[in-house]
Amino acid sequence: MMRKLSTTIIKFAALSLFVGSLFTAQGAKIREEHVIPADKGLSQNAVRKMYERGKRQTYQGKDLDTIGMSVGSIAAGQLYLRGD
């Protein structure tokens, strides 16, 4: 009984998220009054710099104590990879 109820709740939540995303997607379509211009006015140099690869950095010793990178996504909790 409890397992069936849990499955029903999960299905309902998934359906709710799907339906909500449809309305969000329809509202996000570009309209005439859309305030973000398609042409951002960026120079070719600025666009090229966005695609350039940065310099590799190496961290050692005490620097590793304060480095962390998130490895989860939405609803994954506080899951991250530490430098040490």
PDB file of N, CA and C in Angstrom:
ATOM      1  N   MET A   1       0.826  -1.194   0.000  1.00  0.00           N
ATOM      2  CA  MET A   1       0.000   0.000   0.000  1.00  0.00           C
ATOM      3  C   MET A   1       0.871   1.259   0.000  1.00  0.00           C
ATOM      4  N   MET A   2       1.868   1.274   0.881  1.00  0.00           N
ATOM      5  CA  MET A   2       2.732   2.443   0.996  1.00  0.00           C
ATOM      6  C   MET A   2       3.568   2.636  -0.274  1.00  0.00           C
ATOM      7  N   ARG A   3       4.005   1.522  -0.865  1.00  0.00           N
ATOM      8  CA  ARG A   3       4.811   1.603  -2.073  1.00  0.00           C
ATOM      9  C   ARG A   3       3.977   2.148  -3.234  1.00  0.00           C
ATOM     10  N   LYS A   4       2.722   1.717  -3.324  1.00  0.00           N
ATOM     11  CA  LYS A   4       1.830   2.193  -4.374  1.00  0.00           C
ATOM     12  C   LYS A   4       1.570   3.685  -4.207  1.00  0.00           C
ATOM     13  N   LEU A   5       1.398   4.131  -2.961  1.00  0.00           N
ATOM     14  CA  LEU A   5       1.179   5.548  -2.685  1.00  0.00           C
ATOM     15  C   LEU A   5       2.412   6.360  -3.069  1.00  0.00           C
ATOM     16  N   SER A   6       3.594   5.861  -2.741  1.00  0.00           N
ATOM     17  CA  SER A   6       4.843   6.562  -3.098  1.00  0.00           C
ATOM     18  C   SER A   6       4.993   6.672  -4.604  1.00  0.00           C
ATOM     19  N   THR A   7       4.673   5.596  -5.314  1.00  0.00           N
ATOM     20  CA  THR A   7       4.761   5.616  -6.772  1.00  0.00           C
ATOM     21  C   THR A   7       3.775   6.617  -7.360  1.00  0.00           C
ATOM     22  N   THR A   8       2.576   6.663  -6.809  1.00  0.00           N
ATOM     23  CA  THR A   8       1.561   7.610  -7.276  1.00  0.00           C
ATOM     24  C   THR A   8       2.015   9.044  -7.032  1.00  0.00           C
ATOM     25  N   ILE A   9       2.585   9.313  -5.899  1.00  0.00           N
ATOM     26  CA  ILE A   9       3.070  10.667  -5.582  1.00  0.00           C
ATOM     27  C   ILE A   9       4.189  11.067  -6.541  1.00  0.00           C
ATOM     28  N   ILE A  10       5.102  10.149  -6.820  1.00  0.00           N
ATOM     29  CA  ILE A  10       6.204  10.442  -7.743  1.00  0.00           C
ATOM     30  C   ILE A  10       5.670  10.713  -9.141  1.00  0.00           C
ATOM     31  N   LYS A  11       4.715   9.918  -9.597  1.00  0.00           N
ATOM     32  CA  LYS A  11       4.126  10.135 -10.919  1.00  0.00           C
ATOM     33  C   LYS A  11       3.425  11.490 -10.989  1.00  0.00           C
ATOM     34  N   PHE A  12       2.689  11.826  -9.939  1.00  0.00           N
ATOM     35  CA  PHE A  12       1.987  13.108  -9.905  1.00  0.00           C
ATOM     36  C   PHE A  12       2.982  14.267  -9.933  1.00  0.00           C
ATOM     37  N   ALA A  13       4.053  14.158  -9.172  1.00  0.00           N
ATOM     38  CA  ALA A  13       5.065  15.218  -9.149  1.00  0.00           C
ATOM     39  C   ALA A  13       5.726  15.370 -10.514  1.00  0.00           C
ATOM     40  N   ALA A  14       6.039  14.250 -11.170  1.00  0.00           N
ATOM     41  CA  ALA A  14       6.665  14.305 -12.491  1.00  0.00           C
ATOM     42  C   ALA A  14       5.717  14.934 -13.508  1.00  0.00           C
ATOM     43  N   LEU A  15       4.448  14.563 -13.457  1.00  0.00           N
ATOM     44  CA  LEU A  15       3.465  15.137 -14.373  1.00  0.00           C
ATOM     45  C   LEU A  15       3.302  16.631 -14.120  1.00  0.00           C
ATOM     46  N   SER A  16       3.272  17.020 -12.857  1.00  0.00           N
ATOM     47  CA  SER A  16       3.149  18.444 -12.516  1.00  0.00           C
ATOM     48  C   SER A  16       4.330  19.245 -13.050  1.00  0.00           C
ATOM     49  N   LEU A  17       5.538  18.706 -12.902  1.00  0.00           N
ATOM     50  CA  LEU A  17       6.720  19.390 -13.416  1.00  0.00           C
ATOM     51  C   LEU A  17       6.675  19.506 -14.933  1.00  0.00           C
ATOM     52  N   PHE A  18       6.221  18.446 -15.598  1.00  0.00           N
ATOM     53  CA  PHE A  18       6.132  18.457 -17.056  1.00  0.00           C
ATOM     54  C   PHE A  18       5.127  19.500 -17.531  1.00  0.00           C
ATOM     55  N   VAL A  19       3.950  19.514 -16.936  1.00  0.00           N
ATOM     56  CA  VAL A  19       2.923  20.485 -17.331  1.00  0.00           C
ATOM     57  C   VAL A  19       3.400  21.902 -17.041  1.00  0.00           C
ATOM     58  N   GLY A  20       4.016  22.108 -15.901  1.00  0.00           N
ATOM     59  CA  GLY A  20       4.546  23.428 -15.569  1.00  0.00           C
ATOM     60  C   GLY A  20       5.608  23.884 -16.546  1.00  0.00           C
ATOM     61  N   SER A  21       6.437  22.945 -17.001  1.00  0.00           N
ATOM     62  CA  SER A  21       7.487  23.318 -17.953  1.00  0.00           C
ATOM     63  C   SER A  21       6.899  23.690 -19.302  1.00  0.00           C
ATOM     64  N   LEU A  22       5.779  23.099 -19.680  1.00  0.00           N
ATOM     65  CA  LEU A  22       5.134  23.477 -20.943  1.00  0.00           C
ATOM     66  C   LEU A  22       4.677  24.927 -20.912  1.00  0.00           C
ATOM     67  N   PHE A  23       4.042  25.320 -19.803  1.00  0.00           N
ATOM     68  CA  PHE A  23       3.582  26.705 -19.694  1.00  0.00           C
ATOM     69  C   PHE A  23       4.753  27.667 -19.633  1.00  0.00           C
ATOM     70  N   THR A  24       5.825  27.263 -18.976  1.00  0.00           N
ATOM     71  CA  THR A  24       7.011  28.106 -18.902  1.00  0.00           C
ATOM     72  C   THR A  24       7.643  28.258 -20.276  1.00  0.00           C
ATOM     73  N   ALA A  25       7.711  27.163 -21.037  1.00  0.00           N
ATOM     74  CA  ALA A  25       8.299  27.211 -22.374  1.00  0.00           C
ATOM     75  C   ALA A  25       7.479  28.107 -23.292  1.00  0.00           C
ATOM     76  N   GLN A  26       6.153  28.054 -23.183  1.00  0.00           N
ATOM     77  CA  GLN A  26       5.308  28.911 -24.014  1.00  0.00           C
ATOM     78  C   GLN A  26       5.505  30.373 -23.632  1.00  0.00           C
ATOM     79  N   GLY A  27       5.636  30.657 -22.336  1.00  0.00           N
ATOM     80  CA  GLY A  27       5.818  32.033 -21.896  1.00  0.00           C
ATOM     81  C   GLY A  27       7.189  32.576 -22.246  1.00  0.00           C
ATOM     82  N   ALA A  28       8.173  31.677 -22.460  1.00  0.00           N
ATOM     83  CA  ALA A  28       9.533  32.118 -22.741  1.00  0.00           C
ATOM     84  C   ALA A  28       9.764  32.413 -24.218  1.00  0.00           C
ATOM     85  N   LYS A  29       8.793  32.086 -25.074  1.00  0.00           N
ATOM     86  CA  LYS A  29       8.962  32.374 -26.497  1.00  0.00           C
ATOM     87  C   LYS A  29       9.167  33.869 -26.696  1.00  0.00           C
ATOM     88  N   ILE A  30       9.982  34.200 -27.656  1.00  0.00           N
ATOM     89  CA  ILE A  30      10.286  35.610 -27.909  1.00  0.00           C
ATOM     90  C   ILE A  30       9.046  36.296 -28.457  1.00  0.00           C
ATOM     91  N   ARG A  31       8.713  37.410 -27.828  1.00  0.00           N
ATOM     92  CA  ARG A  31       7.555  38.196 -28.235  1.00  0.00           C
ATOM     93  C   ARG A  31       8.034  39.550 -28.738  1.00  0.00           C
ATOM     94  N   GLU A  32       7.117  40.306 -29.295  1.00  0.00           N
ATOM     95  CA  GLU A  32       7.467  41.632 -29.799  1.00  0.00           C
ATOM     96  C   GLU A  32       8.017  42.523 -28.692  1.00  0.00           C
ATOM     97  N   GLU A  33       7.459  42.424 -27.507  1.00  0.00           N
ATOM     98  CA  GLU A  33       7.891  43.278 -26.400  1.00  0.00           C
ATOM     99  C   GLU A  33       9.066  42.693 -25.622  1.00  0.00           C
ATOM    100  N   HIS A  34       9.682  41.670 -26.186  1.00  0.00           N
ATOM    101  CA  HIS A  34      10.820  41.034 -25.527  1.00  0.00           C
ATOM    102  C   HIS A  34      11.921  42.067 -25.306  1.00  0.00           C
ATOM    103  N   VAL A  35      12.434  42.161 -24.085  1.00  0.00           N
ATOM    104  CA  VAL A  35      13.348  43.243 -23.732  1.00  0.00           C
ATOM    105  C   VAL A  35      14.815  42.937 -24.001  1.00  0.00           C
ATOM    106  N   ILE A  36      15.175  41.696 -24.286  1.00  0.00           N
ATOM    107  CA  ILE A  36      16.573  41.355 -24.539  1.00  0.00           C
ATOM    108  C   ILE A  36      16.795  41.341 -26.044  1.00  0.00           C
ATOM    109  N   PRO A  37      17.618  42.253 -26.566  1.00  0.00           N
ATOM    110  CA  PRO A  37      17.817  42.300 -28.018  1.00  0.00           C
ATOM    111  C   PRO A  37      18.613  41.092 -28.509  1.00  0.00           C
ATOM    112  N   ALA A  38      18.282  40.631 -29.708  1.00  0.00           N
ATOM    113  CA  ALA A  38      19.011  39.498 -30.291  1.00  0.00           C
ATOM    114  C   ALA A  38      20.446  39.889 -30.596  1.00  0.00           C
ATOM    115  N   ASP A  39      20.654  41.115 -31.065  1.00  0.00           N
ATOM    116  CA  ASP A  39      22.003  41.608 -31.348  1.00  0.00           C
ATOM    117  C   ASP A  39      22.504  42.343 -30.115  1.00  0.00           C
ATOM    118  N   LYS A  40      23.495  41.796 -29.459  1.00  0.00           N
ATOM    119  CA  LYS A  40      24.012  42.380 -28.218  1.00  0.00           C
ATOM    120  C   LYS A  40      25.005  43.504 -28.463  1.00  0.00           C
ATOM    121  N   GLY A  41      25.390  43.702 -29.717  1.00  0.00           N
ATOM    122  CA  GLY A  41      26.334  44.769 -30.030  1.00  0.00           C
ATOM    123  C   GLY A  41      27.762  44.456 -29.606  1.00  0.00           C
ATOM    124  N   LEU A  42      28.097  43.168 -29.532  1.00  0.00           N
ATOM    125  CA  LEU A  42      29.450  42.783 -29.128  1.00  0.00           C
ATOM    126  C   LEU A  42      30.391  42.851 -30.328  1.00  0.00           C
ATOM    127  N   SER A  43      31.600  43.292 -30.065  1.00  0.00           N
ATOM    128  CA  SER A  43      32.591  43.329 -31.133  1.00  0.00           C
ATOM    129  C   SER A  43      33.067  41.905 -31.431  1.00  0.00           C
ATOM    130  N   GLN A  44      33.663  41.714 -32.607  1.00  0.00           N
ATOM    131  CA  GLN A  44      34.191  40.404 -32.977  1.00  0.00           C
ATOM    132  C   GLN A  44      35.268  39.964 -31.992  1.00  0.00           C
ATOM    133  N   ASN A  45      36.052  40.920 -31.495  1.00  0.00           N
ATOM    134  CA  ASN A  45      37.110  40.623 -30.534  1.00  0.00           C
ATOM    135  C   ASN A  45      36.501  40.089 -29.227  1.00  0.00           C
ATOM    136  N   ALA A  46      35.416  40.701 -28.750  1.00  0.00           N
ATOM    137  CA  ALA A  46      34.772  40.266 -27.516  1.00  0.00           C
ATOM    138  C   ALA A  46      34.208  38.852 -27.665  1.00  0.00           C
ATOM    139  N   VAL A  47      33.608  38.562 -28.809  1.00  0.00           N
ATOM    140  CA  VAL A  47      33.068  37.226 -29.048  1.00  0.00           C
ATOM    141  C   VAL A  47      34.192  36.201 -29.117  1.00  0.00           C
ATOM    142  N   ARG A  48      35.293  36.534 -29.771  1.00  0.00           N
ATOM    143  CA  ARG A  48      36.432  35.619 -29.875  1.00  0.00           C
ATOM    144  C   ARG A  48      37.014  35.314 -28.496  1.00  0.00           C
ATOM    145  N   LYS A  49      37.094  36.329 -27.630  1.00  0.00           N
ATOM    146  CA  LYS A  49      37.648  36.125 -26.289  1.00  0.00           C
ATOM    147  C   LYS A  49      36.787  35.182 -25.457  1.00  0.00           C
ATOM    148  N   MET A  50      35.469  35.182 -25.693  1.00  0.00           N
ATOM    149  CA  MET A  50      34.586  34.285 -24.945  1.00  0.00           C
ATOM    150  C   MET A  50      34.856  32.823 -25.263  1.00  0.00           C
ATOM    151  N   TYR A  51      35.338  32.549 -26.467  1.00  0.00           N
ATOM    152  CA  TYR A  51      35.578  31.176 -26.883  1.00  0.00           C
ATOM    153  C   TYR A  51      37.026  30.732 -26.695  1.00  0.00           C
ATOM    154  N   GLU A  52      37.908  31.620 -26.265  1.00  0.00           N
ATOM    155  CA  GLU A  52      39.304  31.251 -26.036  1.00  0.00           C
ATOM    156  C   GLU A  52      39.425  30.403 -24.783  1.00  0.00           C
ATOM    157  N   ARG A  53      40.347  29.485 -24.816  1.00  0.00           N
ATOM    158  CA  ARG A  53      40.605  28.649 -23.654  1.00  0.00           C
ATOM    159  C   ARG A  53      41.528  29.397 -22.696  1.00  0.00           C
ATOM    160  N   GLY A  54      41.218  29.331 -21.425  1.00  0.00           N
ATOM    161  CA  GLY A  54      42.028  30.007 -20.418  1.00  0.00           C
ATOM    162  C   GLY A  54      43.320  29.259 -20.130  1.00  0.00           C
ATOM    163  N   LYS A  55      44.185  29.884 -19.321  1.00  0.00           N
ATOM    164  CA  LYS A  55      45.445  29.253 -18.953  1.00  0.00           C
ATOM    165  C   LYS A  55      45.194  28.232 -17.853  1.00  0.00           C
ATOM    166  N   ARG A  56      45.866  27.098 -17.938  1.00  0.00           N
ATOM    167  CA  ARG A  56      45.738  26.058 -16.922  1.00  0.00           C
ATOM    168  C   ARG A  56      46.436  26.524 -15.638  1.00  0.00           C
ATOM    169  N   GLN A  57      45.766  26.303 -14.514  1.00  0.00           N
ATOM    170  CA  GLN A  57      46.341  26.659 -13.226  1.00  0.00           C
ATOM    171  C   GLN A  57      46.518  25.398 -12.399  1.00  0.00           C
ATOM    172  N   THR A  58      47.601  25.340 -11.652  1.00  0.00           N
ATOM    173  CA  THR A  58      47.883  24.207 -10.788  1.00  0.00           C
ATOM    174  C   THR A  58      47.909  24.691  -9.345  1.00  0.00           C
ATOM    175  N   TYR A  59      47.203  23.981  -8.480  1.00  0.00           N
ATOM    176  CA  TYR A  59      47.158  24.330  -7.063  1.00  0.00           C
ATOM    177  C   TYR A  59      47.800  23.212  -6.267  1.00  0.00           C
ATOM    178  N   GLN A  60      48.559  23.589  -5.223  1.00  0.00           N
ATOM    179  CA  GLN A  60      49.253  22.607  -4.398  1.00  0.00           C
ATOM    180  C   GLN A  60      49.193  23.036  -2.940  1.00  0.00           C
ATOM    181  N   GLY A  61      49.514  22.081  -2.073  1.00  0.00           N
ATOM    182  CA  GLY A  61      49.654  22.372  -0.654  1.00  0.00           C
ATOM    183  C   GLY A  61      48.385  22.882   0.003  1.00  0.00           C
ATOM    184  N   LYS A  62      48.510  23.959   0.779  1.00  0.00           N
ATOM    185  CA  LYS A  62      47.402  24.522   1.539  1.00  0.00           C
ATOM    186  C   LYS A  62      46.291  25.063   0.645  1.00  0.00           C
ATOM    187  N   ASP A  63      46.605  25.426  -0.596  1.00  0.00           N
ATOM    188  CA  ASP A  63      45.573  25.918  -1.515  1.00  0.00           C
ATOM    189  C   ASP A  63      44.474  24.876  -1.737  1.00  0.00           C
ATOM    190  N   LEU A  64      44.836  23.585  -1.636  1.00  0.00           N
ATOM    191  CA  LEU A  64      43.868  22.517  -1.876  1.00  0.00           C
ATOM    192  C   LEU A  64      42.806  22.430  -0.787  1.00  0.00           C
ATOM    193  N   ASP A  65      43.083  23.002   0.402  1.00  0.00           N
ATOM    194  CA  ASP A  65      42.113  22.955   1.501  1.00  0.00           C
ATOM    195  C   ASP A  65      40.871  23.779   1.215  1.00  0.00           C
ATOM    196  N   THR A  66      40.991  24.787   0.376  1.00  0.00           N
ATOM    197  CA  THR A  66      39.872  25.700   0.149  1.00  0.00           C
ATOM    198  C   THR A  66      39.288  25.598  -1.253  1.00  0.00           C
ATOM    199  N   ILE A  67      39.675  24.588  -2.001  1.00  0.00           N
ATOM    200  CA  ILE A  67      39.141  24.408  -3.348  1.00  0.00           C
ATOM    201  C   ILE A  67      38.044  23.356  -3.318  1.00  0.00           C
ATOM    202  N   GLY A  68      36.937  23.665  -3.964  1.00  0.00           N
ATOM    203  CA  GLY A  68      35.850  22.705  -4.082  1.00  0.00           C
ATOM    204  C   GLY A  68      35.076  22.984  -5.353  1.00  0.00           C
ATOM    205  N   MET A  69      34.558  21.935  -5.972  1.00  0.00           N
ATOM    206  CA  MET A  69      33.781  22.093  -7.185  1.00  0.00           C
ATOM    207  C   MET A  69      32.497  21.284  -7.043  1.00  0.00           C
ATOM    208  N   SER A  70      31.388  21.911  -7.325  1.00  0.00           N
ATOM    209  CA  SER A  70      30.106  21.237  -7.245  1.00  0.00           C
ATOM    210  C   SER A  70      30.038  20.141  -8.303  1.00  0.00           C
ATOM    211  N   VAL A  71      29.616  18.943  -7.905  1.00  0.00           N
ATOM    212  CA  VAL A  71      29.482  17.848  -8.859  1.00  0.00           C
ATOM    213  C   VAL A  71      28.035  17.369  -8.955  1.00  0.00           C
ATOM    214  N   GLY A  72      27.150  18.030  -8.239  1.00  0.00           N
ATOM    215  CA  GLY A  72      25.741  17.670  -8.288  1.00  0.00           C
ATOM    216  C   GLY A  72      24.986  18.647  -9.169  1.00  0.00           C
ATOM    217  N   SER A  73      23.699  18.468  -9.208  1.00  0.00           N
ATOM    218  CA  SER A  73      22.850  19.395  -9.941  1.00  0.00           C
ATOM    219  C   SER A  73      21.640  19.692  -9.070  1.00  0.00           C
ATOM    220  N   ILE A  74      20.590  20.168  -9.664  1.00  0.00           N
ATOM    221  CA  ILE A  74      19.400  20.514  -8.892  1.00  0.00           C
ATOM    222  C   ILE A  74      18.923  19.298  -8.100  1.00  0.00           C
ATOM    223  N   ALA A  75      18.640  19.516  -6.846  1.00  0.00           N
ATOM    224  CA  ALA A  75      18.130  18.495  -5.922  1.00  0.00           C
ATOM    225  C   ALA A  75      19.152  17.410  -5.588  1.00  0.00           C
ATOM    226  N   ALA A  76      20.449  17.661  -5.829  1.00  0.00           N
ATOM    227  CA  ALA A  76      21.476  16.679  -5.505  1.00  0.00           C
ATOM    228  C   ALA A  76      22.055  16.902  -4.117  1.00  0.00           C
ATOM    229  N   GLY A  77      21.623  17.969  -3.464  1.00  0.00           N
ATOM    230  CA  GLY A  77      22.163  18.267  -2.149  1.00  0.00           C
ATOM    231  C   GLY A  77      23.482  18.994  -2.265  1.00  0.00           C
ATOM    232  N   GLN A  78      24.268  18.929  -1.214  1.00  0.00           N
ATOM    233  CA  GLN A  78      25.549  19.625  -1.198  1.00  0.00           C
ATOM    234  C   GLN A  78      26.676  18.651  -1.519  1.00  0.00           C
ATOM    235  N   LEU A  79      26.684  18.156  -2.717  1.00  0.00           N
ATOM    236  CA  LEU A  79      27.685  17.206  -3.148  1.00  0.00           C
ATOM    237  C   LEU A  79      28.756  17.948  -3.934  1.00  0.00           C
ATOM    238  N   TYR A  80      29.987  17.880  -3.466  1.00  0.00           N
ATOM    239  CA  TYR A  80      31.075  18.555  -4.169  1.00  0.00           C
ATOM    240  C   TYR A  80      32.375  17.791  -4.020  1.00  0.00           C
ATOM    241  N   LEU A  81      33.310  18.077  -4.912  1.00  0.00           N
ATOM    242  CA  LEU A  81      34.616  17.434  -4.920  1.00  0.00           C
ATOM    243  C   LEU A  81      35.618  18.408  -4.329  1.00  0.00           C
ATOM    244  N   ARG A  82      36.329  17.988  -3.301  1.00  0.00           N
ATOM    245  CA  ARG A  82      37.317  18.856  -2.646  1.00  0.00           C
ATOM    246  C   ARG A  82      38.693  18.630  -3.214  1.00  0.00           C
ATOM    247  N   GLY A  83      39.546  19.632  -3.094  1.00  0.00           N
ATOM    248  CA  GLY A  83      40.900  19.555  -3.606  1.00  0.00           C
ATOM    249  C   GLY A  83      41.808  18.631  -2.831  1.00  0.00           C
ATOM    250  N   ASP A  84      41.481  18.407  -1.544  1.00  0.00           N
ATOM    251  CA  ASP A  84      42.353  17.551  -0.735  1.00  0.00           C
ATOM    252  C   ASP A  84      41.909  16.105  -0.837  1.00  0.00           C
TER     253      ASP A  84
END
